[in-house]
C-alpha atoms as a PDB file:
ATOM      1  CA  UNK A   1       4.146 -11.185  10.816  1.00  0.00           C
ATOM      2  CA  UNK A   2       6.102 -10.232   7.700  1.00  0.00           C
ATOM      3  CA  UNK A   3       4.047 -12.387   5.366  1.00  0.00           C
ATOM      4  CA  UNK A   4       0.832 -10.975   6.862  1.00  0.00           C
ATOM      5  CA  UNK A   5       1.844  -7.400   6.064  1.00  0.00           C
ATOM      6  CA  UNK A   6       3.017  -8.356   2.588  1.00  0.00           C
ATOM      7  CA  UNK A   7      -0.182 -10.289   1.948  1.00  0.00           C
ATOM      8  CA  UNK A   8      -2.344  -7.456   3.258  1.00  0.00           C
ATOM      9  CA  UNK A   9      -0.743  -4.936   0.914  1.00  0.00           C
ATOM     10  CA  UNK A  10      -0.932  -7.382  -1.972  1.00  0.00           C
ATOM     11  CA  UNK A  11      -4.644  -7.849  -1.233  1.00  0.00           C
ATOM     12  CA  UNK A  12      -5.143  -4.094  -1.643  1.00  0.00           C
ATOM     13  CA  UNK A  13      -3.400  -4.347  -5.006  1.00  0.00           C
ATOM     14  CA  UNK A  14      -5.694  -7.180  -6.072  1.00  0.00           C
ATOM     15  CA  UNK A  15      -8.806  -5.352  -4.825  1.00  0.00           C
ATOM     16  CA  UNK A  16      -7.788  -2.316  -6.854  1.00  0.00           C
ATOM     17  CA  UNK A  17      -8.018  -4.484  -9.971  1.00  0.00           C
ATOM     18  CA  UNK A  18      -4.362  -3.975 -10.841  1.00  0.00           C
ATOM     19  CA  UNK A  19      -1.463  -6.305 -11.339  1.00  0.00           C
ATOM     20  CA  UNK A  20       1.820  -5.753  -9.517  1.00  0.00           C
ATOM     21  CA  UNK A  21       3.351  -4.646 -12.835  1.00  0.00           C
ATOM     22  CA  UNK A  22       0.613  -2.061 -13.390  1.00  0.00           C
ATOM     23  CA  UNK A  23       1.108  -0.671  -9.884  1.00  0.00           C
ATOM     24  CA  UNK A  24       4.882  -0.531 -10.329  1.00  0.00           C
ATOM     25  CA  UNK A  25       4.445   1.201 -13.696  1.00  0.00           C
ATOM     26  CA  UNK A  26       2.129   3.786 -12.093  1.00  0.00           C
ATOM     27  CA  UNK A  27       4.552   4.373  -9.207  1.00  0.00           C
ATOM     28  CA  UNK A  28       7.426   4.728 -11.667  1.00  0.00           C
ATOM     29  CA  UNK A  29       5.523   7.239 -13.775  1.00  0.00           C
ATOM     30  CA  UNK A  30       4.082   9.279 -10.887  1.00  0.00           C
ATOM     31  CA  UNK A  31       6.879   9.114  -8.307  1.00  0.00           C
ATOM     32  CA  UNK A  32      10.024   7.921 -10.053  1.00  0.00           C
ATOM     33  CA  UNK A  33      10.052   4.473  -8.433  1.00  0.00           C
ATOM     34  CA  UNK A  34      11.985   1.630 -10.012  1.00  0.00           C
ATOM     35  CA  UNK A  35       9.870  -0.115 -12.649  1.00  0.00           C
ATOM     36  CA  UNK A  36      10.866  -3.511 -11.276  1.00  0.00           C
ATOM     37  CA  UNK A  37       8.194  -5.679  -9.665  1.00  0.00           C
ATOM     38  CA  UNK A  38      10.920  -7.533  -7.781  1.00  0.00           C
ATOM     39  CA  UNK A  39      12.012  -4.295  -6.073  1.00  0.00           C
ATOM     40  CA  UNK A  40       8.486  -3.723  -4.704  1.00  0.00           C
ATOM     41  CA  UNK A  41       8.137  -7.388  -3.775  1.00  0.00           C
ATOM     42  CA  UNK A  42      11.457  -7.278  -1.915  1.00  0.00           C
ATOM     43  CA  UNK A  43      10.424  -4.136  -0.017  1.00  0.00           C
ATOM     44  CA  UNK A  44       7.217  -5.863   1.052  1.00  0.00           C
ATOM     45  CA  UNK A  45       9.049  -9.065   1.975  1.00  0.00           C
ATOM     46  CA  UNK A  46      11.662  -7.224   4.048  1.00  0.00           C
ATOM     47  CA  UNK A  47       9.106  -4.737   5.445  1.00  0.00           C
ATOM     48  CA  UNK A  48      11.413  -1.942   4.331  1.00  0.00           C
ATOM     49  CA  UNK A  49       8.727   0.259   2.766  1.00  0.00           C
ATOM     50  CA  UNK A  50       9.232   3.833   3.978  1.00  0.00           C
ATOM     51  CA  UNK A  51       6.267   5.915   5.106  1.00  0.00           C
ATOM     52  CA  UNK A  52       6.401   8.166   2.050  1.00  0.00           C
ATOM     53  CA  UNK A  53       6.450   5.054  -0.161  1.00  0.00           C
ATOM     54  CA  UNK A  54       3.412   3.650   1.661  1.00  0.00           C
ATOM     55  CA  UNK A  55       1.569   6.944   1.057  1.00  0.00           C
ATOM     56  CA  UNK A  56       2.539   6.869  -2.622  1.00  0.00           C
ATOM     57  CA  UNK A  57       1.546   3.219  -2.965  1.00  0.00           C
ATOM     58  CA  UNK A  58      -1.823   3.912  -1.357  1.00  0.00           C
ATOM     59  CA  UNK A  59      -2.338   6.851  -3.706  1.00  0.00           C
ATOM     60  CA  UNK A  60      -1.495   4.744  -6.766  1.00  0.00           C
ATOM     61  CA  UNK A  61      -4.160   2.266  -5.632  1.00  0.00           C
ATOM     62  CA  UNK A  62      -6.737   5.001  -5.054  1.00  0.00           C
ATOM     63  CA  UNK A  63      -6.492   4.982  -1.266  1.00  0.00           C
ATOM     64  CA  UNK A  64      -5.469   7.431   1.434  1.00  0.00           C
ATOM     65  CA  UNK A  65      -3.406   6.241   4.360  1.00  0.00           C
ATOM     66  CA  UNK A  66      -5.375   6.988   7.532  1.00  0.00           C
ATOM     67  CA  UNK A  67      -3.894   7.363  11.004  1.00  0.00           C
ATOM     68  CA  UNK A  68      -5.896   7.502  14.195  1.00  0.00           C
ATOM     69  CA  UNK A  69      -5.249   7.794  17.906  1.00  0.00           C
ATOM     70  CA  UNK A  70      -4.286   4.362  19.253  1.00  0.00           C
ATOM     71  CA  UNK A  71      -5.837   5.259  22.622  1.00  0.00           C
ATOM     72  CA  UNK A  72      -9.187   5.327  20.842  1.00  0.00           C
ATOM     73  CA  UNK A  73      -8.559   2.141  18.870  1.00  0.00           C
ATOM     74  CA  UNK A  74     -11.946   0.557  19.677  1.00  0.00           C
ATOM     75  CA  UNK A  75     -13.706   3.451  17.904  1.00  0.00           C
ATOM     76  CA  UNK A  76     -11.792   2.647  14.731  1.00  0.00           C
ATOM     77  CA  UNK A  77     -11.692  -1.146  14.918  1.00  0.00           C
ATOM     78  CA  UNK A  78     -13.825  -1.598  11.807  1.00  0.00           C
ATOM     79  CA  UNK A  79     -11.783   0.816   9.659  1.00  0.00           C
ATOM     80  CA  UNK A  80      -9.160  -0.437   7.247  1.00  0.00           C
ATOM     81  CA  UNK A  81      -5.570   0.767   7.202  1.00  0.00           C
ATOM     82  CA  UNK A  82      -6.279   2.274   3.813  1.00  0.00           C
ATOM     83  CA  UNK A  83      -9.317   4.400   3.115  1.00  0.00           C
ATOM     84  CA  UNK A  84     -10.653   4.362  -0.444  1.00  0.00           C
ATOM     85  CA  UNK A  85     -10.941   7.917  -1.735  1.00  0.00           C
ATOM     86  CA  UNK A  86     -11.388   7.682  -5.486  1.00  0.00           C
ATOM     87  CA  UNK A  87     -12.040   5.143  -8.192  1.00  0.00           C
END
């Protein structure tokens, strides 16, 4: 499961047209994250990304993190975990 989550987040990075370094630089500038790609990679590998970090990462990629009621999951089955909000 860990590699699936890591790969899913990395796919959002690729789809945004950014490199890992560009994302890390943006997160460092906007939110004071470490400017080390290995730190982000390790967080993804260990699945130790905190919620606030996930929100910030989504924002840096131009997405909003969207939550929905799990009891109504079938209504949202076609929606992605991230919702693109701006270019």
